[in-house]
Amino acid sequence: MSMMKRTALIVWAMAWLITQVAMDIVVTFVDVMRYALGEDGRPVSIITFVLSMAASIVMISFAAVTIAALRVN
């Protein structure tokens, strides 16, 4: 496999991974916030909001570690 094909494959894989991670983060965050805010617009629980924010930070950190691992290899 030539270097150009290998580079193109790695760039495509990283773009796909970043797109999937971004989509999952947005969908999960919107879904959790919809449940956290409730039907009347008032937050159901501040703990739910804090946990969803912490989970989004963990998900972003996992994506960053995955991207860093792909760049090292």
C-alpha atoms as a PDB file:
ATOM      1  CA  MET A   1       0.000   0.000   0.000  1.00  0.00           C
ATOM      2  CA  SER A   2       1.477   3.316  -1.008  1.00  0.00           C
ATOM      3  CA  MET A   3       2.046   6.113   1.453  1.00  0.00           C
ATOM      4  CA  MET A   4      -0.587   8.306  -0.243  1.00  0.00           C
ATOM      5  CA  LYS A   5      -3.294   5.618   0.040  1.00  0.00           C
ATOM      6  CA  ARG A   6      -2.372   4.956   3.655  1.00  0.00           C
ATOM      7  CA  THR A   7      -2.525   8.677   4.473  1.00  0.00           C
ATOM      8  CA  ALA A   8      -5.873   9.067   2.713  1.00  0.00           C
ATOM      9  CA  LEU A   9      -7.269   6.080   4.612  1.00  0.00           C
ATOM     10  CA  ILE A  10      -6.115   7.480   7.955  1.00  0.00           C
ATOM     11  CA  VAL A  11      -7.552  10.942   7.178  1.00  0.00           C
ATOM     12  CA  TRP A  12     -10.871   9.400   6.110  1.00  0.00           C
ATOM     13  CA  ALA A  13     -11.004   7.220   9.255  1.00  0.00           C
ATOM     14  CA  MET A  14     -10.271  10.185  11.531  1.00  0.00           C
ATOM     15  CA  ALA A  15     -12.895  12.345   9.808  1.00  0.00           C
ATOM     16  CA  TRP A  16     -15.470   9.564  10.137  1.00  0.00           C
ATOM     17  CA  LEU A  17     -14.602   9.045  13.809  1.00  0.00           C
ATOM     18  CA  ILE A  18     -14.788  12.751  14.606  1.00  0.00           C
ATOM     19  CA  THR A  19     -18.123  13.030  12.803  1.00  0.00           C
ATOM     20  CA  GLN A  20     -19.561  10.050  14.683  1.00  0.00           C
ATOM     21  CA  VAL A  21     -18.325  11.340  18.041  1.00  0.00           C
ATOM     22  CA  ALA A  22     -19.695  14.829  17.395  1.00  0.00           C
ATOM     23  CA  MET A  23     -23.059  13.413  16.349  1.00  0.00           C
ATOM     24  CA  ASP A  24     -23.247  11.153  19.419  1.00  0.00           C
ATOM     25  CA  ILE A  25     -22.324  14.006  21.752  1.00  0.00           C
ATOM     26  CA  VAL A  26     -24.927  16.361  20.266  1.00  0.00           C
ATOM     27  CA  VAL A  27     -27.704  13.756  20.219  1.00  0.00           C
ATOM     28  CA  THR A  28     -26.964  12.565  23.753  1.00  0.00           C
ATOM     29  CA  PHE A  29     -26.668  16.081  25.162  1.00  0.00           C
ATOM     30  CA  VAL A  30     -29.912  17.252  23.538  1.00  0.00           C
ATOM     31  CA  ASP A  31     -31.739  14.118  24.660  1.00  0.00           C
ATOM     32  CA  VAL A  32     -30.532  14.391  28.254  1.00  0.00           C
ATOM     33  CA  MET A  33     -31.261  18.120  28.426  1.00  0.00           C
ATOM     34  CA  ARG A  34     -34.767  17.532  27.084  1.00  0.00           C
ATOM     35  CA  TYR A  35     -35.453  15.180  29.961  1.00  0.00           C
ATOM     36  CA  ALA A  36     -33.622  17.369  32.476  1.00  0.00           C
ATOM     37  CA  LEU A  37     -35.608  20.497  31.637  1.00  0.00           C
ATOM     38  CA  GLY A  38     -39.000  18.814  31.795  1.00  0.00           C
ATOM     39  CA  GLU A  39     -42.135  19.794  29.946  1.00  0.00           C
ATOM     40  CA  ASP A  40     -42.739  23.127  31.646  1.00  0.00           C
ATOM     41  CA  GLY A  41     -39.198  24.462  31.134  1.00  0.00           C
ATOM     42  CA  ARG A  42     -38.148  24.241  34.773  1.00  0.00           C
ATOM     43  CA  PRO A  43     -35.264  21.874  35.508  1.00  0.00           C
ATOM     44  CA  VAL A  44     -36.356  18.570  36.976  1.00  0.00           C
ATOM     45  CA  SER A  45     -33.205  18.279  39.039  1.00  0.00           C
ATOM     46  CA  ILE A  46     -29.936  20.174  39.225  1.00  0.00           C
ATOM     47  CA  ILE A  47     -28.183  16.846  39.867  1.00  0.00           C
ATOM     48  CA  THR A  48     -29.387  15.534  36.491  1.00  0.00           C
ATOM     49  CA  PHE A  49     -28.045  18.633  34.767  1.00  0.00           C
ATOM     50  CA  VAL A  50     -24.665  18.386  36.514  1.00  0.00           C
ATOM     51  CA  LEU A  51     -24.382  14.680  35.734  1.00  0.00           C
ATOM     52  CA  SER A  52     -25.172  15.249  32.053  1.00  0.00           C
ATOM     53  CA  MET A  53     -22.545  17.999  31.863  1.00  0.00           C
ATOM     54  CA  ALA A  54     -19.973  15.718  33.535  1.00  0.00           C
ATOM     55  CA  ALA A  55     -20.882  12.899  31.149  1.00  0.00           C
ATOM     56  CA  SER A  56     -20.394  15.178  28.140  1.00  0.00           C
ATOM     57  CA  ILE A  57     -16.944  16.153  29.438  1.00  0.00           C
ATOM     58  CA  VAL A  58     -16.065  12.467  29.813  1.00  0.00           C
ATOM     59  CA  MET A  59     -17.301  11.746  26.282  1.00  0.00           C
ATOM     60  CA  ILE A  60     -15.268  14.631  24.831  1.00  0.00           C
ATOM     61  CA  SER A  61     -12.204  13.452  26.756  1.00  0.00           C
ATOM     62  CA  PHE A  62     -12.668   9.918  25.403  1.00  0.00           C
ATOM     63  CA  ALA A  63     -12.880  11.295  21.864  1.00  0.00           C
ATOM     64  CA  ALA A  64      -9.711  13.346  22.394  1.00  0.00           C
ATOM     65  CA  VAL A  65      -7.831  10.326  23.732  1.00  0.00           C
ATOM     66  CA  THR A  66      -9.001   8.233  20.780  1.00  0.00           C
ATOM     67  CA  ILE A  67      -7.873  10.880  18.299  1.00  0.00           C
ATOM     68  CA  ALA A  68      -4.523  11.183  20.073  1.00  0.00           C
ATOM     69  CA  ALA A  69      -4.065   7.420  19.968  1.00  0.00           C
ATOM     70  CA  LEU A  70      -4.818   7.391  16.241  1.00  0.00           C
ATOM     71  CA  ARG A  71      -2.311  10.162  15.629  1.00  0.00           C
ATOM     72  CA  VAL A  72       0.452   8.300  17.503  1.00  0.00           C
ATOM     73  CA  ASN A  73      -0.042   5.166  15.455  1.00  0.00           C
END
